[in-house]
Amino acid sequence: MVKFKNLVQGDILSFVAADNKYKAILCTAVKKDRSPHSCDFAATTYSSENLPTLDNILQCDFYGRPNAQSSSFPYPQTAINVMWEVHPEIKPYILGSYGLTIWNVDLKPFEGNFELIGNLNIVSDLLMNGNGSVNASSWDFFSDFFAGNGLDKLLERGHKPFSIRAIVMPE
Protein backbone atom coordinates (compact mmCIF):
# COMPACT_ATOMS: atom_id res chain seq x y z
CA MET A 1 0.00 0.00 0.00
CA VAL A 2 1.23 3.49 -0.86
CA LYS A 3 1.28 5.95 2.05
CA PHE A 4 0.94 9.65 1.27
CA LYS A 5 3.53 10.60 3.88
CA ASN A 6 6.17 8.54 2.03
CA LEU A 7 5.58 9.91 -1.49
CA VAL A 8 8.32 11.97 -3.14
CA GLN A 9 8.67 13.73 -6.48
CA GLY A 10 9.40 11.23 -9.23
CA ASP A 11 7.52 8.30 -7.69
CA ILE A 12 5.67 6.18 -10.24
CA LEU A 13 2.38 4.75 -9.01
CA SER A 14 0.31 2.12 -10.77
CA PHE A 15 -3.34 1.22 -10.32
CA VAL A 16 -6.09 -0.73 -12.06
CA ALA A 17 -8.59 1.61 -13.73
CA ALA A 18 -12.25 1.01 -14.53
CA ASP A 19 -11.26 -0.76 -17.78
CA ASN A 20 -9.35 -3.38 -15.72
CA LYS A 21 -5.99 -2.30 -17.14
CA TYR A 22 -2.98 -1.10 -15.23
CA LYS A 23 -2.32 2.62 -15.58
CA ALA A 24 0.57 4.67 -14.25
CA ILE A 25 0.97 8.19 -12.92
CA LEU A 26 4.09 10.20 -12.20
CA CYS A 27 4.35 12.26 -9.00
CA THR A 28 5.49 15.73 -10.10
CA ALA A 29 5.24 17.52 -6.74
CA VAL A 30 4.56 16.84 -3.08
CA LYS A 31 3.27 19.71 -0.95
CA LYS A 32 3.69 18.99 2.75
CA ASP A 33 5.13 22.28 4.01
CA ARG A 34 1.73 23.65 5.05
CA SER A 35 -1.80 22.37 5.26
CA PRO A 36 -3.66 21.20 3.26
CA HIS A 37 -1.11 18.67 2.02
CA SER A 38 -1.36 17.40 -1.54
CA CYS A 39 0.43 15.61 -4.36
CA ASP A 40 0.39 16.48 -8.04
CA PHE A 41 0.65 13.78 -10.68
CA ALA A 42 1.09 13.66 -14.44
CA ALA A 43 -0.92 11.17 -16.45
CA THR A 44 1.04 8.68 -18.54
CA THR A 45 0.11 6.64 -21.59
CA TYR A 46 0.81 3.32 -19.85
CA SER A 47 -2.17 0.96 -20.26
CA SER A 48 -1.69 -2.79 -20.03
CA GLU A 49 -2.92 -5.99 -18.43
CA ASN A 50 0.52 -6.19 -16.79
CA LEU A 51 1.88 -4.26 -13.84
CA PRO A 52 4.45 -1.81 -15.24
CA THR A 53 8.15 -1.87 -14.54
CA LEU A 54 10.36 1.19 -14.42
CA ASP A 55 11.67 0.23 -17.87
CA ASN A 56 8.08 0.14 -19.19
CA ILE A 57 7.50 3.63 -17.81
CA LEU A 58 10.65 4.99 -19.46
CA GLN A 59 9.26 3.78 -22.80
CA CYS A 60 5.90 5.54 -22.45
CA ASP A 61 4.79 9.16 -22.52
CA PHE A 62 3.28 11.70 -20.17
CA TYR A 63 0.62 14.27 -21.07
CA GLY A 64 1.94 17.80 -21.28
CA ARG A 65 2.53 20.74 -23.54
CA PRO A 66 5.35 23.05 -24.55
CA ASN A 67 5.36 26.45 -22.88
CA ALA A 68 7.61 29.50 -22.79
CA GLN A 69 10.38 29.31 -20.22
CA SER A 70 9.38 30.85 -16.91
CA SER A 71 11.74 32.92 -14.82
CA SER A 72 9.63 31.96 -11.79
CA PHE A 73 10.10 28.22 -12.27
CA PRO A 74 13.28 27.77 -14.31
CA TYR A 75 14.66 24.40 -15.35
CA PRO A 76 18.41 23.79 -15.31
CA GLN A 77 19.92 24.21 -18.78
CA THR A 78 21.04 20.55 -18.71
CA ALA A 79 17.39 19.48 -18.31
CA ILE A 80 16.29 21.80 -21.11
CA ASN A 81 18.96 20.33 -23.37
CA VAL A 82 17.58 16.83 -22.69
CA MET A 83 14.05 18.02 -23.53
CA TRP A 84 15.27 19.49 -26.81
CA GLU A 85 17.32 16.40 -27.62
CA VAL A 86 14.33 14.09 -27.11
CA HIS A 87 11.80 16.52 -28.62
CA PRO A 88 13.62 18.95 -30.96
CA GLU A 89 10.25 20.10 -32.32
CA ILE A 90 9.50 22.04 -29.10
CA LYS A 91 12.61 24.25 -29.18
CA PRO A 92 12.75 27.06 -27.89
CA TYR A 93 9.99 26.00 -25.48
CA ILE A 94 10.08 23.72 -22.44
CA LEU A 95 7.71 20.95 -21.36
CA GLY A 96 5.17 21.17 -18.58
CA SER A 97 2.50 18.75 -17.43
CA TYR A 98 -1.20 18.81 -16.75
CA GLY A 99 -1.72 18.14 -13.05
CA LEU A 100 -3.90 15.63 -11.31
CA THR A 101 -4.06 16.93 -7.73
CA ILE A 102 -4.90 14.60 -4.86
CA TRP A 103 -5.32 16.05 -1.38
CA ASN A 104 -3.93 14.03 1.53
CA VAL A 105 -7.23 13.74 3.37
CA ASP A 106 -8.93 12.50 0.20
CA LEU A 107 -6.14 10.07 -0.72
CA LYS A 108 -6.34 8.06 2.49
CA PRO A 109 -9.54 6.13 1.57
CA PHE A 110 -8.04 4.87 -1.70
CA GLU A 111 -4.27 4.92 -1.15
CA GLY A 112 -4.40 1.11 -0.99
CA ASN A 113 -5.38 1.05 -4.68
CA PHE A 114 -1.91 2.23 -5.73
CA GLU A 115 1.34 0.33 -6.01
CA LEU A 116 4.73 2.03 -5.99
CA ILE A 117 6.70 1.02 -9.10
CA GLY A 118 9.84 3.05 -8.50
CA ASN A 119 11.25 6.56 -8.74
CA LEU A 120 12.68 8.68 -11.55
CA ASN A 121 14.79 11.79 -11.01
CA ILE A 122 12.58 14.25 -12.91
CA VAL A 123 12.73 18.02 -13.31
CA SER A 124 11.09 20.09 -10.59
CA ASP A 125 8.13 22.36 -11.27
CA LEU A 126 6.75 20.26 -14.11
CA LEU A 127 3.20 21.25 -13.16
CA MET A 128 4.14 24.92 -12.67
CA ASN A 129 5.47 24.98 -16.23
CA GLY A 130 2.37 23.19 -17.49
CA ASN A 131 -1.09 24.40 -18.22
CA GLY A 132 -3.81 23.52 -15.75
CA SER A 133 -4.77 20.88 -13.26
CA VAL A 134 -7.83 19.11 -11.92
CA ASN A 135 -8.86 17.90 -8.48
CA ALA A 136 -8.55 14.11 -8.76
CA SER A 137 -9.40 13.41 -5.14
CA SER A 138 -12.04 10.72 -5.57
CA TRP A 139 -11.36 7.17 -6.64
CA ASP A 140 -14.32 7.11 -9.04
CA PHE A 141 -13.10 10.22 -10.84
CA PHE A 142 -9.52 8.97 -10.89
CA SER A 143 -10.29 5.48 -12.15
CA ASP A 144 -12.79 6.69 -14.76
CA PHE A 145 -10.49 9.49 -15.97
CA PHE A 146 -8.03 6.90 -17.29
CA ALA A 147 -10.60 4.45 -18.63
CA GLY A 148 -13.07 6.95 -20.03
CA ASN A 149 -12.71 10.23 -21.83
CA GLY A 150 -10.42 12.06 -19.40
CA LEU A 151 -7.35 11.57 -21.54
CA ASP A 152 -9.33 12.69 -24.61
CA LYS A 153 -10.15 15.91 -22.75
CA LEU A 154 -6.42 16.53 -22.27
CA LEU A 155 -5.88 16.16 -26.01
CA GLU A 156 -8.77 18.57 -26.68
CA ARG A 157 -7.08 21.11 -24.39
CA GLY A 158 -3.85 20.97 -26.36
CA HIS A 159 -1.94 18.49 -24.24
CA LYS A 160 -0.04 15.80 -26.11
CA PRO A 161 1.99 12.74 -25.18
CA PHE A 162 5.70 13.48 -24.70
CA SER A 163 8.40 10.98 -23.85
CA ILE A 164 9.03 10.58 -20.14
CA ARG A 165 12.74 10.43 -21.01
CA ALA A 166 12.49 14.15 -21.86
CA ILE A 167 11.87 15.09 -18.22
CA VAL A 168 14.36 12.76 -16.53
CA MET A 169 17.29 14.74 -15.16
CA PRO A 170 20.68 13.86 -16.64
CA GLU A 171 23.03 12.08 -14.25
C-alpha atoms as a PDB file:
ATOM      1  CA  MET A   1       0.000   0.000   0.000  1.00  0.00           C
ATOM      2  CA  VAL A   2       1.235   3.493  -0.856  1.00  0.00           C
ATOM      3  CA  LYS A   3       1.282   5.949   2.046  1.00  0.00           C
ATOM      4  CA  PHE A   4       0.943   9.652   1.274  1.00  0.00           C
ATOM      5  CA  LYS A   5       3.531  10.603   3.882  1.00  0.00           C
ATOM      6  CA  ASN A   6       6.169   8.544   2.027  1.00  0.00           C
ATOM      7  CA  LEU A   7       5.585   9.911  -1.491  1.00  0.00           C
ATOM      8  CA  VAL A   8       8.317  11.969  -3.139  1.00  0.00           C
ATOM      9  CA  GLN A   9       8.667  13.728  -6.476  1.00  0.00           C
ATOM     10  CA  GLY A  10       9.397  11.232  -9.234  1.00  0.00           C
ATOM     11  CA  ASP A  11       7.516   8.304  -7.689  1.00  0.00           C
ATOM     12  CA  ILE A  12       5.668   6.178 -10.238  1.00  0.00           C
ATOM     13  CA  LEU A  13       2.375   4.752  -9.013  1.00  0.00           C
ATOM     14  CA  SER A  14       0.308   2.125 -10.766  1.00  0.00           C
ATOM     15  CA  PHE A  15      -3.341   1.216 -10.320  1.00  0.00           C
ATOM     16  CA  VAL A  16      -6.088  -0.728 -12.058  1.00  0.00           C
ATOM     17  CA  ALA A  17      -8.591   1.614 -13.726  1.00  0.00           C
ATOM     18  CA  ALA A  18     -12.252   1.013 -14.534  1.00  0.00           C
ATOM     19  CA  ASP A  19     -11.258  -0.758 -17.785  1.00  0.00           C
ATOM     20  CA  ASN A  20      -9.355  -3.384 -15.719  1.00  0.00           C
ATOM     21  CA  LYS A  21      -5.993  -2.297 -17.138  1.00  0.00           C
ATOM     22  CA  TYR A  22      -2.983  -1.095 -15.225  1.00  0.00           C
ATOM     23  CA  LYS A  23      -2.323   2.624 -15.583  1.00  0.00           C
ATOM     24  CA  ALA A  24       0.570   4.675 -14.248  1.00  0.00           C
ATOM     25  CA  ILE A  25       0.967   8.188 -12.921  1.00  0.00           C
ATOM     26  CA  LEU A  26       4.095  10.200 -12.195  1.00  0.00           C
ATOM     27  CA  CYS A  27       4.348  12.262  -9.002  1.00  0.00           C
ATOM     28  CA  THR A  28       5.489  15.726 -10.097  1.00  0.00           C
ATOM     29  CA  ALA A  29       5.237  17.524  -6.744  1.00  0.00           C
ATOM     30  CA  VAL A  30       4.558  16.841  -3.077  1.00  0.00           C
ATOM     31  CA  LYS A  31       3.271  19.710  -0.953  1.00  0.00           C
ATOM     32  CA  LYS A  32       3.689  18.994   2.754  1.00  0.00           C
ATOM     33  CA  ASP A  33       5.132  22.281   4.013  1.00  0.00           C
ATOM     34  CA  ARG A  34       1.734  23.649   5.046  1.00  0.00           C
ATOM     35  CA  SER A  35      -1.800  22.369   5.261  1.00  0.00           C
ATOM     36  CA  PRO A  36      -3.657  21.201   3.259  1.00  0.00           C
ATOM     37  CA  HIS A  37      -1.112  18.665   2.024  1.00  0.00           C
ATOM     38  CA  SER A  38      -1.361  17.398  -1.541  1.00  0.00           C
ATOM     39  CA  CYS A  39       0.431  15.613  -4.360  1.00  0.00           C
ATOM     40  CA  ASP A  40       0.392  16.476  -8.041  1.00  0.00           C
ATOM     41  CA  PHE A  41       0.654  13.785 -10.683  1.00  0.00           C
ATOM     42  CA  ALA A  42       1.092  13.663 -14.435  1.00  0.00           C
ATOM     43  CA  ALA A  43      -0.923  11.166 -16.453  1.00  0.00           C
ATOM     44  CA  THR A  44       1.041   8.684 -18.545  1.00  0.00           C
ATOM     45  CA  THR A  45       0.110   6.639 -21.589  1.00  0.00           C
ATOM     46  CA  TYR A  46       0.806   3.317 -19.854  1.00  0.00           C
ATOM     47  CA  SER A  47      -2.171   0.963 -20.260  1.00  0.00           C
ATOM     48  CA  SER A  48      -1.686  -2.794 -20.028  1.00  0.00           C
ATOM     49  CA  GLU A  49      -2.922  -5.987 -18.434  1.00  0.00           C
ATOM     50  CA  ASN A  50       0.517  -6.192 -16.789  1.00  0.00           C
ATOM     51  CA  LEU A  51       1.877  -4.262 -13.837  1.00  0.00           C
ATOM     52  CA  PRO A  52       4.446  -1.811 -15.244  1.00  0.00           C
ATOM     53  CA  THR A  53       8.151  -1.875 -14.541  1.00  0.00           C
ATOM     54  CA  LEU A  54      10.363   1.194 -14.417  1.00  0.00           C
ATOM     55  CA  ASP A  55      11.671   0.230 -17.867  1.00  0.00           C
ATOM     56  CA  ASN A  56       8.076   0.141 -19.193  1.00  0.00           C
ATOM     57  CA  ILE A  57       7.503   3.626 -17.808  1.00  0.00           C
ATOM     58  CA  LEU A  58      10.653   4.987 -19.455  1.00  0.00           C
ATOM     59  CA  GLN A  59       9.258   3.777 -22.797  1.00  0.00           C
ATOM     60  CA  CYS A  60       5.903   5.536 -22.454  1.00  0.00           C
ATOM     61  CA  ASP A  61       4.787   9.160 -22.518  1.00  0.00           C
ATOM     62  CA  PHE A  62       3.279  11.704 -20.165  1.00  0.00           C
ATOM     63  CA  TYR A  63       0.621  14.271 -21.069  1.00  0.00           C
ATOM     64  CA  GLY A  64       1.936  17.805 -21.282  1.00  0.00           C
ATOM     65  CA  ARG A  65       2.534  20.742 -23.545  1.00  0.00           C
ATOM     66  CA  PRO A  66       5.348  23.052 -24.552  1.00  0.00           C
ATOM     67  CA  ASN A  67       5.364  26.449 -22.880  1.00  0.00           C
ATOM     68  CA  ALA A  68       7.605  29.500 -22.794  1.00  0.00           C
ATOM     69  CA  GLN A  69      10.375  29.313 -20.225  1.00  0.00           C
ATOM     70  CA  SER A  70       9.379  30.846 -16.912  1.00  0.00           C
ATOM     71  CA  SER A  71      11.742  32.925 -14.823  1.00  0.00           C
ATOM     72  CA  SER A  72       9.628  31.964 -11.792  1.00  0.00           C
ATOM     73  CA  PHE A  73      10.097  28.220 -12.266  1.00  0.00           C
ATOM     74  CA  PRO A  74      13.276  27.768 -14.314  1.00  0.00           C
ATOM     75  CA  TYR A  75      14.658  24.401 -15.355  1.00  0.00           C
ATOM     76  CA  PRO A  76      18.412  23.794 -15.313  1.00  0.00           C
ATOM     77  CA  GLN A  77      19.923  24.209 -18.778  1.00  0.00           C
ATOM     78  CA  THR A  78      21.040  20.552 -18.713  1.00  0.00           C
ATOM     79  CA  ALA A  79      17.392  19.485 -18.306  1.00  0.00           C
ATOM     80  CA  ILE A  80      16.285  21.803 -21.107  1.00  0.00           C
ATOM     81  CA  ASN A  81      18.960  20.334 -23.366  1.00  0.00           C
ATOM     82  CA  VAL A  82      17.585  16.833 -22.689  1.00  0.00           C
ATOM     83  CA  MET A  83      14.053  18.025 -23.527  1.00  0.00           C
ATOM     84  CA  TRP A  84      15.271  19.492 -26.810  1.00  0.00           C
ATOM     85  CA  GLU A  85      17.324  16.399 -27.622  1.00  0.00           C
ATOM     86  CA  VAL A  86      14.333  14.088 -27.110  1.00  0.00           C
ATOM     87  CA  HIS A  87      11.799  16.520 -28.623  1.00  0.00           C
ATOM     88  CA  PRO A  88      13.617  18.952 -30.960  1.00  0.00           C
ATOM     89  CA  GLU A  89      10.246  20.102 -32.323  1.00  0.00           C
ATOM     90  CA  ILE A  90       9.505  22.040 -29.099  1.00  0.00           C
ATOM     91  CA  LYS A  91      12.608  24.254 -29.182  1.00  0.00           C
ATOM     92  CA  PRO A  92      12.753  27.058 -27.895  1.00  0.00           C
ATOM     93  CA  TYR A  93       9.986  26.005 -25.482  1.00  0.00           C
ATOM     94  CA  ILE A  94      10.075  23.718 -22.443  1.00  0.00           C
ATOM     95  CA  LEU A  95       7.713  20.946 -21.358  1.00  0.00           C
ATOM     96  CA  GLY A  96       5.173  21.169 -18.575  1.00  0.00           C
ATOM     97  CA  SER A  97       2.503  18.748 -17.429  1.00  0.00           C
ATOM     98  CA  TYR A  98      -1.203  18.811 -16.752  1.00  0.00           C
ATOM     99  CA  GLY A  99      -1.716  18.138 -13.049  1.00  0.00           C
ATOM    100  CA  LEU A 100      -3.901  15.626 -11.305  1.00  0.00           C
ATOM    101  CA  THR A 101      -4.065  16.934  -7.732  1.00  0.00           C
ATOM    102  CA  ILE A 102      -4.895  14.604  -4.862  1.00  0.00           C
ATOM    103  CA  TRP A 103      -5.325  16.049  -1.385  1.00  0.00           C
ATOM    104  CA  ASN A 104      -3.928  14.034   1.526  1.00  0.00           C
ATOM    105  CA  VAL A 105      -7.233  13.737   3.368  1.00  0.00           C
ATOM    106  CA  ASP A 106      -8.931  12.496   0.195  1.00  0.00           C
ATOM    107  CA  LEU A 107      -6.141  10.068  -0.720  1.00  0.00           C
ATOM    108  CA  LYS A 108      -6.345   8.061   2.494  1.00  0.00           C
ATOM    109  CA  PRO A 109      -9.543   6.133   1.572  1.00  0.00           C
ATOM    110  CA  PHE A 110      -8.041   4.869  -1.699  1.00  0.00           C
ATOM    111  CA  GLU A 111      -4.267   4.921  -1.151  1.00  0.00           C
ATOM    112  CA  GLY A 112      -4.401   1.110  -0.993  1.00  0.00           C
ATOM    113  CA  ASN A 113      -5.381   1.049  -4.683  1.00  0.00           C
ATOM    114  CA  PHE A 114      -1.911   2.233  -5.732  1.00  0.00           C
ATOM    115  CA  GLU A 115       1.337   0.326  -6.011  1.00  0.00           C
ATOM    116  CA  LEU A 116       4.732   2.033  -5.995  1.00  0.00           C
ATOM    117  CA  ILE A 117       6.702   1.015  -9.097  1.00  0.00           C
ATOM    118  CA  GLY A 118       9.845   3.054  -8.502  1.00  0.00           C
ATOM    119  CA  ASN A 119      11.250   6.555  -8.740  1.00  0.00           C
ATOM    120  CA  LEU A 120      12.680   8.683 -11.548  1.00  0.00           C
ATOM    121  CA  ASN A 121      14.787  11.788 -11.011  1.00  0.00           C
ATOM    122  CA  ILE A 122      12.582  14.249 -12.907  1.00  0.00           C
ATOM    123  CA  VAL A 123      12.730  18.020 -13.309  1.00  0.00           C
ATOM    124  CA  SER A 124      11.091  20.087 -10.586  1.00  0.00           C
ATOM    125  CA  ASP A 125       8.129  22.360 -11.268  1.00  0.00           C
ATOM    126  CA  LEU A 126       6.745  20.262 -14.114  1.00  0.00           C
ATOM    127  CA  LEU A 127       3.197  21.253 -13.162  1.00  0.00           C
ATOM    128  CA  MET A 128       4.136  24.916 -12.669  1.00  0.00           C
ATOM    129  CA  ASN A 129       5.474  24.980 -16.235  1.00  0.00           C
ATOM    130  CA  GLY A 130       2.371  23.187 -17.488  1.00  0.00           C
ATOM    131  CA  ASN A 131      -1.092  24.397 -18.216  1.00  0.00           C
ATOM    132  CA  GLY A 132      -3.814  23.518 -15.754  1.00  0.00           C
ATOM    133  CA  SER A 133      -4.774  20.880 -13.259  1.00  0.00           C
ATOM    134  CA  VAL A 134      -7.834  19.114 -11.923  1.00  0.00           C
ATOM    135  CA  ASN A 135      -8.864  17.902  -8.482  1.00  0.00           C
ATOM    136  CA  ALA A 136      -8.552  14.114  -8.762  1.00  0.00           C
ATOM    137  CA  SER A 137      -9.395  13.410  -5.142  1.00  0.00           C
ATOM    138  CA  SER A 138     -12.039  10.721  -5.568  1.00  0.00           C
ATOM    139  CA  TRP A 139     -11.358   7.172  -6.643  1.00  0.00           C
ATOM    140  CA  ASP A 140     -14.316   7.107  -9.044  1.00  0.00           C
ATOM    141  CA  PHE A 141     -13.097  10.223 -10.845  1.00  0.00           C
ATOM    142  CA  PHE A 142      -9.525   8.974 -10.889  1.00  0.00           C
ATOM    143  CA  SER A 143     -10.289   5.484 -12.153  1.00  0.00           C
ATOM    144  CA  ASP A 144     -12.791   6.689 -14.759  1.00  0.00           C
ATOM    145  CA  PHE A 145     -10.488   9.487 -15.975  1.00  0.00           C
ATOM    146  CA  PHE A 146      -8.027   6.901 -17.286  1.00  0.00           C
ATOM    147  CA  ALA A 147     -10.603   4.445 -18.626  1.00  0.00           C
ATOM    148  CA  GLY A 148     -13.067   6.949 -20.029  1.00  0.00           C
ATOM    149  CA  ASN A 149     -12.712  10.226 -21.826  1.00  0.00           C
ATOM    150  CA  GLY A 150     -10.423  12.056 -19.395  1.00  0.00           C
ATOM    151  CA  LEU A 151      -7.346  11.566 -21.543  1.00  0.00           C
ATOM    152  CA  ASP A 152      -9.331  12.688 -24.607  1.00  0.00           C
ATOM    153  CA  LYS A 153     -10.151  15.910 -22.750  1.00  0.00           C
ATOM    154  CA  LEU A 154      -6.424  16.528 -22.270  1.00  0.00           C
ATOM    155  CA  LEU A 155      -5.884  16.164 -26.009  1.00  0.00           C
ATOM    156  CA  GLU A 156      -8.770  18.571 -26.681  1.00  0.00           C
ATOM    157  CA  ARG A 157      -7.078  21.106 -24.395  1.00  0.00           C
ATOM    158  CA  GLY A 158      -3.851  20.971 -26.363  1.00  0.00           C
ATOM    159  CA  HIS A 159      -1.940  18.488 -24.239  1.00  0.00           C
ATOM    160  CA  LYS A 160      -0.041  15.804 -26.105  1.00  0.00           C
ATOM    161  CA  PRO A 161       1.987  12.742 -25.180  1.00  0.00           C
ATOM    162  CA  PHE A 162       5.699  13.477 -24.702  1.00  0.00           C
ATOM    163  CA  SER A 163       8.404  10.976 -23.849  1.00  0.00           C
ATOM    164  CA  ILE A 164       9.030  10.578 -20.139  1.00  0.00           C
ATOM    165  CA  ARG A 165      12.737  10.428 -21.007  1.00  0.00           C
ATOM    166  CA  ALA A 166      12.487  14.147 -21.864  1.00  0.00           C
ATOM    167  CA  ILE A 167      11.866  15.086 -18.219  1.00  0.00           C
ATOM    168  CA  VAL A 168      14.359  12.764 -16.530  1.00  0.00           C
ATOM    169  CA  MET A 169      17.288  14.740 -15.161  1.00  0.00           C
ATOM    170  CA  PRO A 170      20.678  13.856 -16.643  1.00  0.00           C
ATOM    171  CA  GLU A 171      23.033  12.082 -14.253  1.00  0.00           C
END
